Amino acid sequence: IEERHQAILDILAEKGSKVLLIDGDLRLPSVAKKLDIENNVGLTELLIGKGASISQFKSDISENLYIMPSGQIPPNPSELLGSKRMKSVLEELKEFFDYIVIDEVQFMDKEVLEVCDFYANKGVRVICAGLDKDFRGEPFGIMPEILAMAEKVTKLDAICSVCGGIATRTQRIIDGKPAYYD
């Protein structure tokens, strides 16, 4: 488990808090693999209406932890993550959870900012995890806006899945080869 995933799970120390961890990377999902859980049903299935329900995501790790893996990799991840359905799913979840943790939030559309703000104003603690720099070392996706609206920012190191060292950026791959800064 990476440091950022462990930090998320440590939230469970608060007695009685219900926590949902969402894998927001529908391109290269990582949460299921890192936590050694099935990834057959997840966020993708919930977004496309394939009958996924919150009860399916109950974790064996803790009574109050639910883990929503990415599910099957869709042909249109950006469209799904930026869809109105994504926003409505996140809004529906506030009824069930004290904490909503979105991993790999850098891949989501700007609409998630409204949802995060909405939850925060309703007393739900929203935790967004993701890389703040892309493969060029430039701000990644919506992360500048997430950081600007955050009440608290904690920067943790990610671990490179290839070498095991500290990862500060992504590595963009095109046709199986590393992309260069153009």
N, C-alpha and C. Protein backbone atom coordinates (compact mmCIF):
# COMPACT_ATOMS: atom_id res chain seq x y z
N ILE A 1 0.85 -1.18 0.00
CA ILE A 1 0.00 0.00 0.00
C ILE A 1 0.89 1.23 0.00
N GLU A 2 0.54 2.20 -0.85
CA GLU A 2 1.31 3.45 -0.89
C GLU A 2 0.99 4.30 0.33
N GLU A 3 1.86 5.25 0.61
CA GLU A 3 1.68 6.14 1.76
C GLU A 3 0.35 6.86 1.69
N ARG A 4 -0.04 7.31 0.48
CA ARG A 4 -1.30 8.05 0.37
C ARG A 4 -2.50 7.16 0.64
N HIS A 5 -2.44 5.89 0.23
CA HIS A 5 -3.54 4.98 0.52
C HIS A 5 -3.60 4.68 2.02
N GLN A 6 -2.45 4.51 2.64
CA GLN A 6 -2.42 4.26 4.07
C GLN A 6 -2.98 5.44 4.84
N ALA A 7 -2.65 6.66 4.40
CA ALA A 7 -3.19 7.86 5.06
C ALA A 7 -4.71 7.88 4.98
N ILE A 8 -5.23 7.47 3.84
CA ILE A 8 -6.68 7.41 3.67
C ILE A 8 -7.29 6.41 4.64
N LEU A 9 -6.69 5.25 4.73
CA LEU A 9 -7.24 4.22 5.61
C LEU A 9 -7.12 4.60 7.08
N ASP A 10 -6.14 5.42 7.42
CA ASP A 10 -5.97 5.85 8.81
C ASP A 10 -7.15 6.69 9.31
N ILE A 11 -7.89 7.28 8.37
CA ILE A 11 -9.07 8.05 8.74
C ILE A 11 -10.03 7.19 9.55
N LEU A 12 -10.00 5.90 9.29
CA LEU A 12 -10.92 4.99 9.97
C LEU A 12 -10.72 4.95 11.47
N ALA A 13 -9.63 5.52 11.94
CA ALA A 13 -9.40 5.56 13.38
C ALA A 13 -10.49 6.36 14.08
N GLU A 14 -11.15 7.24 13.34
CA GLU A 14 -12.25 7.99 13.93
C GLU A 14 -13.45 7.07 14.08
N LYS A 15 -13.84 6.83 15.29
CA LYS A 15 -14.90 5.87 15.58
C LYS A 15 -16.22 6.25 14.88
N GLY A 16 -16.75 5.26 14.16
CA GLY A 16 -18.06 5.43 13.56
C GLY A 16 -18.11 6.16 12.23
N SER A 17 -17.03 6.68 11.73
CA SER A 17 -17.05 7.39 10.44
C SER A 17 -17.12 6.40 9.29
N LYS A 18 -18.05 6.64 8.38
CA LYS A 18 -18.15 5.81 7.19
C LYS A 18 -17.35 6.47 6.08
N VAL A 19 -16.46 5.68 5.46
CA VAL A 19 -15.52 6.20 4.47
C VAL A 19 -15.70 5.45 3.16
N LEU A 20 -15.73 6.22 2.06
CA LEU A 20 -15.75 5.64 0.73
C LEU A 20 -14.50 6.08 -0.01
N LEU A 21 -13.72 5.11 -0.48
CA LEU A 21 -12.54 5.36 -1.30
C LEU A 21 -12.91 5.03 -2.74
N ILE A 22 -12.77 6.02 -3.64
CA ILE A 22 -13.12 5.85 -5.05
C ILE A 22 -11.84 5.90 -5.88
N ASP A 23 -11.64 4.91 -6.75
CA ASP A 23 -10.53 4.95 -7.71
C ASP A 23 -11.01 5.75 -8.91
N GLY A 24 -10.51 6.96 -9.04
CA GLY A 24 -10.94 7.85 -10.11
C GLY A 24 -10.17 7.71 -11.40
N ASP A 25 -9.26 6.76 -11.49
CA ASP A 25 -8.49 6.58 -12.71
C ASP A 25 -9.10 5.44 -13.52
N LEU A 26 -9.88 5.80 -14.53
CA LEU A 26 -10.51 4.79 -15.37
C LEU A 26 -9.62 4.38 -16.53
N ARG A 27 -8.41 4.93 -16.60
CA ARG A 27 -7.47 4.58 -17.67
C ARG A 27 -6.51 3.48 -17.23
N LEU A 28 -5.86 3.72 -16.09
CA LEU A 28 -4.89 2.77 -15.51
C LEU A 28 -5.20 2.62 -14.02
N PRO A 29 -6.25 1.90 -13.70
CA PRO A 29 -6.67 1.79 -12.30
C PRO A 29 -5.59 1.18 -11.41
N SER A 30 -5.54 1.64 -10.14
CA SER A 30 -4.50 1.14 -9.24
C SER A 30 -5.01 0.70 -7.88
N VAL A 31 -6.12 1.24 -7.43
CA VAL A 31 -6.57 0.97 -6.07
C VAL A 31 -6.84 -0.52 -5.83
N ALA A 32 -7.56 -1.17 -6.73
CA ALA A 32 -7.88 -2.59 -6.55
C ALA A 32 -6.62 -3.43 -6.45
N LYS A 33 -5.68 -3.15 -7.31
CA LYS A 33 -4.42 -3.91 -7.31
C LYS A 33 -3.65 -3.69 -6.01
N LYS A 34 -3.55 -2.43 -5.60
CA LYS A 34 -2.77 -2.11 -4.40
C LYS A 34 -3.41 -2.66 -3.13
N LEU A 35 -4.74 -2.74 -3.12
CA LEU A 35 -5.44 -3.24 -1.94
C LEU A 35 -5.83 -4.71 -2.09
N ASP A 36 -5.44 -5.32 -3.21
CA ASP A 36 -5.68 -6.74 -3.47
C ASP A 36 -7.17 -7.10 -3.38
N ILE A 37 -7.98 -6.34 -4.15
CA ILE A 37 -9.41 -6.63 -4.21
C ILE A 37 -9.82 -6.79 -5.67
N GLU A 38 -10.99 -7.35 -5.90
CA GLU A 38 -11.52 -7.54 -7.25
C GLU A 38 -11.82 -6.19 -7.90
N ASN A 39 -11.69 -6.13 -9.23
CA ASN A 39 -11.96 -4.90 -9.96
C ASN A 39 -12.99 -5.13 -11.07
N ASN A 40 -13.81 -6.17 -10.92
CA ASN A 40 -14.80 -6.48 -11.95
C ASN A 40 -15.94 -5.48 -12.01
N VAL A 41 -16.35 -4.97 -10.85
CA VAL A 41 -17.44 -4.02 -10.75
C VAL A 41 -16.94 -2.82 -9.97
N GLY A 42 -17.22 -1.62 -10.50
CA GLY A 42 -16.76 -0.42 -9.82
C GLY A 42 -17.40 0.84 -10.35
N LEU A 43 -16.62 1.90 -10.36
CA LEU A 43 -17.11 3.21 -10.78
C LEU A 43 -17.68 3.18 -12.20
N THR A 44 -17.00 2.52 -13.12
CA THR A 44 -17.49 2.46 -14.50
C THR A 44 -18.89 1.89 -14.55
N GLU A 45 -19.10 0.77 -13.88
CA GLU A 45 -20.41 0.11 -13.91
C GLU A 45 -21.48 0.98 -13.25
N LEU A 46 -21.12 1.68 -12.20
CA LEU A 46 -22.07 2.58 -11.54
C LEU A 46 -22.46 3.72 -12.50
N LEU A 47 -21.47 4.23 -13.23
CA LEU A 47 -21.74 5.35 -14.14
C LEU A 47 -22.55 4.95 -15.36
N ILE A 48 -22.36 3.73 -15.85
CA ILE A 48 -23.10 3.33 -17.05
C ILE A 48 -24.38 2.58 -16.72
N GLY A 49 -24.70 2.47 -15.43
CA GLY A 49 -25.95 1.86 -15.01
C GLY A 49 -26.00 0.35 -15.13
N LYS A 50 -24.88 -0.32 -14.87
CA LYS A 50 -24.81 -1.78 -14.97
C LYS A 50 -25.16 -2.48 -13.66
N GLY A 51 -25.98 -1.84 -12.84
CA GLY A 51 -26.48 -2.52 -11.65
C GLY A 51 -25.57 -2.55 -10.44
N ALA A 52 -24.51 -1.76 -10.43
CA ALA A 52 -23.64 -1.72 -9.26
C ALA A 52 -24.35 -0.99 -8.12
N SER A 53 -24.15 -1.47 -6.89
CA SER A 53 -24.74 -0.81 -5.73
C SER A 53 -23.66 -0.60 -4.67
N ILE A 54 -23.90 0.35 -3.80
CA ILE A 54 -22.93 0.70 -2.75
C ILE A 54 -22.58 -0.51 -1.90
N SER A 55 -23.54 -1.36 -1.60
CA SER A 55 -23.27 -2.52 -0.73
C SER A 55 -22.21 -3.44 -1.32
N GLN A 56 -22.04 -3.45 -2.64
CA GLN A 56 -21.02 -4.28 -3.27
C GLN A 56 -19.61 -3.83 -2.92
N PHE A 57 -19.46 -2.60 -2.47
CA PHE A 57 -18.13 -2.04 -2.24
C PHE A 57 -17.70 -2.10 -0.78
N LYS A 58 -18.48 -2.79 0.06
CA LYS A 58 -18.13 -2.95 1.47
C LYS A 58 -16.80 -3.67 1.56
N SER A 59 -15.91 -3.14 2.38
CA SER A 59 -14.56 -3.69 2.50
C SER A 59 -14.45 -4.68 3.66
N ASP A 60 -13.54 -5.62 3.52
CA ASP A 60 -13.23 -6.53 4.61
C ASP A 60 -12.20 -5.93 5.56
N ILE A 61 -11.59 -4.82 5.15
CA ILE A 61 -10.52 -4.20 5.95
C ILE A 61 -11.09 -3.59 7.22
N SER A 62 -12.24 -2.95 7.11
CA SER A 62 -12.84 -2.29 8.25
C SER A 62 -14.35 -2.26 8.07
N GLU A 63 -15.06 -2.25 9.18
CA GLU A 63 -16.52 -2.22 9.15
C GLU A 63 -17.05 -0.97 8.46
N ASN A 64 -16.33 0.14 8.56
CA ASN A 64 -16.81 1.42 8.04
C ASN A 64 -16.16 1.84 6.73
N LEU A 65 -15.42 0.96 6.11
CA LEU A 65 -14.73 1.31 4.87
C LEU A 65 -15.40 0.65 3.67
N TYR A 66 -15.66 1.46 2.66
CA TYR A 66 -16.17 0.98 1.38
C TYR A 66 -15.14 1.38 0.33
N ILE A 67 -14.83 0.46 -0.56
CA ILE A 67 -13.83 0.72 -1.60
C ILE A 67 -14.49 0.50 -2.96
N MET A 68 -14.54 1.58 -3.75
CA MET A 68 -15.11 1.51 -5.08
C MET A 68 -13.96 1.52 -6.08
N PRO A 69 -13.58 0.35 -6.59
CA PRO A 69 -12.52 0.32 -7.59
C PRO A 69 -13.02 0.94 -8.89
N SER A 70 -12.16 1.05 -9.86
CA SER A 70 -12.55 1.68 -11.12
C SER A 70 -13.54 0.82 -11.90
N GLY A 71 -13.44 -0.50 -11.76
CA GLY A 71 -14.25 -1.39 -12.58
C GLY A 71 -13.59 -1.60 -13.94
N GLN A 72 -14.38 -2.03 -14.90
CA GLN A 72 -13.84 -2.28 -16.24
C GLN A 72 -13.38 -0.98 -16.88
N ILE A 73 -12.32 -1.05 -17.67
CA ILE A 73 -11.81 0.14 -18.35
C ILE A 73 -12.73 0.45 -19.53
N PRO A 74 -13.37 1.63 -19.50
CA PRO A 74 -14.31 1.98 -20.57
C PRO A 74 -13.58 2.55 -21.79
N PRO A 75 -14.25 2.58 -22.94
CA PRO A 75 -13.62 3.17 -24.13
C PRO A 75 -13.56 4.70 -24.05
N ASN A 76 -14.34 5.29 -23.14
CA ASN A 76 -14.45 6.75 -23.05
C ASN A 76 -14.28 7.27 -21.62
N PRO A 77 -13.14 7.04 -20.99
CA PRO A 77 -13.00 7.42 -19.58
C PRO A 77 -13.22 8.90 -19.31
N SER A 78 -12.71 9.78 -20.16
CA SER A 78 -12.87 11.22 -19.92
C SER A 78 -14.33 11.63 -19.95
N GLU A 79 -15.07 11.07 -20.90
CA GLU A 79 -16.50 11.40 -21.00
C GLU A 79 -17.25 10.94 -19.76
N LEU A 80 -16.95 9.73 -19.28
CA LEU A 80 -17.63 9.22 -18.10
C LEU A 80 -17.31 10.05 -16.86
N LEU A 81 -16.04 10.38 -16.67
CA LEU A 81 -15.63 11.13 -15.48
C LEU A 81 -16.17 12.56 -15.49
N GLY A 82 -16.40 13.12 -16.68
CA GLY A 82 -16.92 14.47 -16.79
C GLY A 82 -18.43 14.53 -16.99
N SER A 83 -19.09 13.39 -16.89
CA SER A 83 -20.52 13.32 -17.19
C SER A 83 -21.38 13.86 -16.05
N LYS A 84 -22.62 14.21 -16.40
CA LYS A 84 -23.59 14.62 -15.40
C LYS A 84 -23.89 13.46 -14.45
N ARG A 85 -23.81 12.25 -14.96
CA ARG A 85 -24.04 11.06 -14.14
C ARG A 85 -23.00 10.98 -13.03
N MET A 86 -21.74 11.32 -13.34
CA MET A 86 -20.68 11.30 -12.32
C MET A 86 -21.04 12.28 -11.21
N LYS A 87 -21.46 13.46 -11.58
CA LYS A 87 -21.83 14.46 -10.59
C LYS A 87 -23.00 13.97 -9.73
N SER A 88 -24.01 13.38 -10.37
CA SER A 88 -25.17 12.93 -9.60
C SER A 88 -24.81 11.75 -8.69
N VAL A 89 -23.93 10.86 -9.15
CA VAL A 89 -23.48 9.75 -8.30
C VAL A 89 -22.79 10.28 -7.06
N LEU A 90 -21.89 11.24 -7.25
CA LEU A 90 -21.19 11.81 -6.09
C LEU A 90 -22.16 12.51 -5.15
N GLU A 91 -23.14 13.19 -5.70
CA GLU A 91 -24.13 13.87 -4.85
C GLU A 91 -24.96 12.86 -4.06
N GLU A 92 -25.30 11.72 -4.67
CA GLU A 92 -26.08 10.68 -3.98
C GLU A 92 -25.30 10.06 -2.83
N LEU A 93 -24.00 9.98 -2.97
CA LEU A 93 -23.17 9.30 -1.97
C LEU A 93 -23.11 10.04 -0.64
N LYS A 94 -23.37 11.32 -0.64
CA LYS A 94 -23.29 12.11 0.59
C LYS A 94 -24.24 11.61 1.68
N GLU A 95 -25.31 10.93 1.25
CA GLU A 95 -26.27 10.40 2.22
C GLU A 95 -25.70 9.26 3.04
N PHE A 96 -24.68 8.60 2.53
CA PHE A 96 -24.19 7.37 3.15
C PHE A 96 -22.85 7.51 3.87
N PHE A 97 -22.05 8.53 3.52
CA PHE A 97 -20.67 8.56 3.99
C PHE A 97 -20.31 9.86 4.70
N ASP A 98 -19.42 9.72 5.71
CA ASP A 98 -18.88 10.87 6.41
C ASP A 98 -17.66 11.43 5.67
N TYR A 99 -16.94 10.53 5.00
CA TYR A 99 -15.76 10.91 4.22
C TYR A 99 -15.89 10.31 2.82
N ILE A 100 -15.59 11.13 1.84
CA ILE A 100 -15.51 10.63 0.47
C ILE A 100 -14.11 10.94 -0.01
N VAL A 101 -13.38 9.89 -0.36
CA VAL A 101 -11.99 10.00 -0.77
C VAL A 101 -11.92 9.66 -2.25
N ILE A 102 -11.43 10.59 -3.05
CA ILE A 102 -11.31 10.36 -4.48
C ILE A 102 -9.84 10.26 -4.83
N ASP A 103 -9.42 9.08 -5.23
CA ASP A 103 -8.02 8.86 -5.63
C ASP A 103 -7.90 9.11 -7.13
N GLU A 104 -6.77 9.63 -7.53
CA GLU A 104 -6.50 9.94 -8.94
C GLU A 104 -7.46 11.00 -9.46
N VAL A 105 -7.76 11.99 -8.62
CA VAL A 105 -8.72 13.04 -8.97
C VAL A 105 -8.25 13.90 -10.14
N GLN A 106 -6.96 13.88 -10.43
CA GLN A 106 -6.44 14.69 -11.53
C GLN A 106 -7.03 14.32 -12.88
N PHE A 107 -7.62 13.13 -12.98
CA PHE A 107 -8.21 12.69 -14.25
C PHE A 107 -9.66 13.14 -14.42
N MET A 108 -10.24 13.71 -13.37
CA MET A 108 -11.65 14.08 -13.44
C MET A 108 -11.85 15.46 -14.04
N ASP A 109 -13.08 15.70 -14.46
CA ASP A 109 -13.49 16.96 -15.06
C ASP A 109 -13.69 18.02 -13.97
N LYS A 110 -13.75 19.28 -14.38
CA LYS A 110 -13.92 20.38 -13.42
C LYS A 110 -15.23 20.31 -12.63
N GLU A 111 -16.20 19.55 -13.11
CA GLU A 111 -17.47 19.43 -12.38
C GLU A 111 -17.26 18.82 -11.00
N VAL A 112 -16.21 18.04 -10.82
CA VAL A 112 -15.97 17.44 -9.51
C VAL A 112 -15.66 18.53 -8.47
N LEU A 113 -15.17 19.69 -8.92
CA LEU A 113 -14.90 20.80 -8.01
C LEU A 113 -16.19 21.26 -7.32
N GLU A 114 -17.26 21.38 -8.09
CA GLU A 114 -18.56 21.78 -7.53
C GLU A 114 -19.04 20.76 -6.52
N VAL A 115 -18.86 19.50 -6.84
CA VAL A 115 -19.31 18.43 -5.97
C VAL A 115 -18.51 18.45 -4.67
N CYS A 116 -17.20 18.61 -4.77
CA CYS A 116 -16.36 18.67 -3.57
C CYS A 116 -16.77 19.84 -2.69
N ASP A 117 -17.01 20.99 -3.29
CA ASP A 117 -17.43 22.17 -2.55
C ASP A 117 -18.79 21.94 -1.90
N PHE A 118 -19.70 21.32 -2.63
CA PHE A 118 -21.03 21.01 -2.12
C PHE A 118 -20.93 20.14 -0.87
N TYR A 119 -20.16 19.05 -0.96
CA TYR A 119 -19.98 18.15 0.18
C TYR A 119 -19.37 18.87 1.38
N ALA A 120 -18.31 19.61 1.11
CA ALA A 120 -17.62 20.31 2.19
C ALA A 120 -18.57 21.26 2.92
N ASN A 121 -19.44 21.92 2.18
CA ASN A 121 -20.40 22.84 2.80
C ASN A 121 -21.51 22.11 3.55
N LYS A 122 -21.68 20.83 3.30
CA LYS A 122 -22.68 20.01 4.01
C LYS A 122 -22.07 19.25 5.18
N GLY A 123 -20.79 19.48 5.43
CA GLY A 123 -20.13 18.83 6.56
C GLY A 123 -19.50 17.48 6.25
N VAL A 124 -19.52 17.06 4.97
CA VAL A 124 -18.87 15.82 4.59
C VAL A 124 -17.42 16.15 4.28
N ARG A 125 -16.52 15.39 4.85
CA ARG A 125 -15.10 15.64 4.58
C ARG A 125 -14.73 15.00 3.25
N VAL A 126 -14.18 15.83 2.36
CA VAL A 126 -13.79 15.37 1.04
C VAL A 126 -12.26 15.37 0.97
N ILE A 127 -11.72 14.23 0.58
CA ILE A 127 -10.27 14.11 0.45
C ILE A 127 -9.98 13.75 -1.00
N CYS A 128 -9.19 14.59 -1.65
CA CYS A 128 -8.82 14.36 -3.04
C CYS A 128 -7.34 14.01 -3.10
N ALA A 129 -7.03 12.88 -3.70
CA ALA A 129 -5.64 12.45 -3.82
C ALA A 129 -5.30 12.34 -5.30
N GLY A 130 -4.11 12.77 -5.64
CA GLY A 130 -3.66 12.66 -7.02
C GLY A 130 -2.36 13.41 -7.22
N LEU A 131 -1.75 13.15 -8.35
CA LEU A 131 -0.51 13.85 -8.68
C LEU A 131 -0.81 15.29 -9.06
N ASP A 132 0.03 16.21 -8.62
CA ASP A 132 -0.19 17.61 -8.95
C ASP A 132 0.59 18.05 -10.19
N LYS A 133 1.51 17.19 -10.68
CA LYS A 133 2.29 17.52 -11.87
C LYS A 133 2.17 16.41 -12.91
N ASP A 134 2.10 16.81 -14.17
CA ASP A 134 2.04 15.82 -15.24
C ASP A 134 3.44 15.41 -15.65
N PHE A 135 3.57 14.68 -16.73
CA PHE A 135 4.87 14.16 -17.14
C PHE A 135 5.85 15.27 -17.53
N ARG A 136 5.33 16.45 -17.81
CA ARG A 136 6.19 17.59 -18.15
C ARG A 136 6.62 18.40 -16.92
N GLY A 137 6.04 18.05 -15.76
CA GLY A 137 6.31 18.83 -14.55
C GLY A 137 5.40 20.04 -14.44
N GLU A 138 4.33 20.07 -15.23
CA GLU A 138 3.38 21.18 -15.22
C GLU A 138 2.14 20.76 -14.44
N PRO A 139 1.35 21.74 -13.95
CA PRO A 139 0.14 21.40 -13.20
C PRO A 139 -0.74 20.41 -13.95
N PHE A 140 -1.24 19.41 -13.22
CA PHE A 140 -1.96 18.29 -13.81
C PHE A 140 -3.47 18.49 -13.67
N GLY A 141 -4.15 18.61 -14.80
CA GLY A 141 -5.61 18.66 -14.82
C GLY A 141 -6.20 19.69 -13.89
N ILE A 142 -7.12 19.25 -13.04
CA ILE A 142 -7.83 20.16 -12.14
C ILE A 142 -7.11 20.38 -10.81
N MET A 143 -5.92 19.81 -10.67
CA MET A 143 -5.24 19.89 -9.37
C MET A 143 -4.98 21.32 -8.90
N PRO A 144 -4.62 22.28 -9.76
CA PRO A 144 -4.44 23.65 -9.25
C PRO A 144 -5.71 24.20 -8.59
N GLU A 145 -6.87 23.91 -9.17
CA GLU A 145 -8.13 24.37 -8.59
C GLU A 145 -8.44 23.64 -7.29
N ILE A 146 -8.16 22.34 -7.25
CA ILE A 146 -8.38 21.56 -6.02
C ILE A 146 -7.52 22.13 -4.90
N LEU A 147 -6.25 22.38 -5.21
CA LEU A 147 -5.33 22.91 -4.19
C LEU A 147 -5.76 24.30 -3.73
N ALA A 148 -6.25 25.12 -4.65
CA ALA A 148 -6.66 26.48 -4.29
C ALA A 148 -7.89 26.49 -3.38
N MET A 149 -8.81 25.56 -3.57
CA MET A 149 -10.03 25.57 -2.76
C MET A 149 -9.90 24.74 -1.48
N ALA A 150 -8.82 24.02 -1.33
CA ALA A 150 -8.65 23.14 -0.18
C ALA A 150 -8.47 23.93 1.11
N GLU A 151 -9.07 23.41 2.18
CA GLU A 151 -8.86 23.99 3.50
C GLU A 151 -7.52 23.54 4.06
N LYS A 152 -7.09 22.35 3.66
CA LYS A 152 -5.83 21.80 4.14
C LYS A 152 -5.19 21.01 3.01
N VAL A 153 -3.89 21.15 2.85
CA VAL A 153 -3.16 20.43 1.82
C VAL A 153 -2.02 19.66 2.48
N THR A 154 -1.97 18.37 2.21
CA THR A 154 -0.86 17.53 2.67
C THR A 154 -0.28 16.87 1.44
N LYS A 155 0.97 17.16 1.18
CA LYS A 155 1.63 16.54 0.03
C LYS A 155 2.38 15.30 0.49
N LEU A 156 2.03 14.19 -0.12
CA LEU A 156 2.69 12.92 0.17
C LEU A 156 3.40 12.45 -1.08
N ASP A 157 4.32 11.55 -0.92
CA ASP A 157 5.03 11.00 -2.07
C ASP A 157 4.31 9.77 -2.58
N ALA A 158 4.26 9.65 -3.90
CA ALA A 158 3.78 8.42 -4.52
C ALA A 158 5.00 7.53 -4.74
N ILE A 159 4.76 6.25 -4.95
CA ILE A 159 5.84 5.30 -5.17
C ILE A 159 5.76 4.80 -6.61
N CYS A 160 6.87 4.83 -7.30
CA CYS A 160 6.93 4.35 -8.68
C CYS A 160 6.69 2.84 -8.69
N SER A 161 5.73 2.42 -9.52
CA SER A 161 5.41 0.99 -9.57
C SER A 161 6.47 0.18 -10.30
N VAL A 162 7.40 0.83 -11.00
CA VAL A 162 8.45 0.13 -11.73
C VAL A 162 9.70 -0.04 -10.88
N CYS A 163 10.22 1.09 -10.32
CA CYS A 163 11.50 1.02 -9.59
C CYS A 163 11.35 1.06 -8.07
N GLY A 164 10.17 1.46 -7.58
CA GLY A 164 9.97 1.53 -6.14
C GLY A 164 10.45 2.82 -5.51
N GLY A 165 10.98 3.73 -6.32
CA GLY A 165 11.44 5.03 -5.81
C GLY A 165 10.30 6.02 -5.70
N ILE A 166 10.63 7.22 -5.23
CA ILE A 166 9.64 8.28 -5.11
C ILE A 166 9.25 8.77 -6.50
N ALA A 167 7.95 8.90 -6.72
CA ALA A 167 7.44 9.38 -8.01
C ALA A 167 6.82 10.75 -7.82
N THR A 168 7.28 11.73 -8.57
CA THR A 168 6.74 13.08 -8.47
C THR A 168 5.94 13.47 -9.70
N ARG A 169 5.95 12.63 -10.72
CA ARG A 169 5.23 12.90 -11.97
C ARG A 169 4.73 11.59 -12.55
N THR A 170 3.89 11.72 -13.56
CA THR A 170 3.46 10.55 -14.31
C THR A 170 4.47 10.29 -15.42
N GLN A 171 4.37 9.16 -16.04
CA GLN A 171 5.14 8.90 -17.26
C GLN A 171 4.12 8.62 -18.35
N ARG A 172 4.01 9.52 -19.28
CA ARG A 172 3.05 9.36 -20.37
C ARG A 172 3.62 8.38 -21.39
N ILE A 173 2.80 7.41 -21.77
CA ILE A 173 3.19 6.39 -22.73
C ILE A 173 2.32 6.54 -23.98
N ILE A 174 2.96 6.61 -25.15
CA ILE A 174 2.25 6.66 -26.43
C ILE A 174 2.81 5.54 -27.30
N ASP A 175 1.92 4.67 -27.76
CA ASP A 175 2.31 3.52 -28.57
C ASP A 175 3.39 2.68 -27.89
N GLY A 176 3.26 2.53 -26.57
CA GLY A 176 4.17 1.69 -25.82
C GLY A 176 5.52 2.32 -25.50
N LYS A 177 5.70 3.61 -25.84
CA LYS A 177 6.98 4.28 -25.59
C LYS A 177 6.77 5.56 -24.82
N PRO A 178 7.76 5.95 -24.00
CA PRO A 178 7.63 7.19 -23.26
C PRO A 178 7.47 8.39 -24.19
N ALA A 179 6.54 9.27 -23.82
CA ALA A 179 6.31 10.48 -24.61
C ALA A 179 7.35 11.53 -24.24
N TYR A 180 7.68 12.37 -25.19
CA TYR A 180 8.63 13.45 -24.93
C TYR A 180 7.88 14.76 -24.85
N TYR A 181 8.47 15.70 -24.17
CA TYR A 181 7.91 17.03 -24.04
C TYR A 181 7.99 17.73 -25.39
N ASP A 182 6.86 18.07 -25.96
CA ASP A 182 6.84 18.75 -27.26
C ASP A 182 6.43 20.18 -27.10
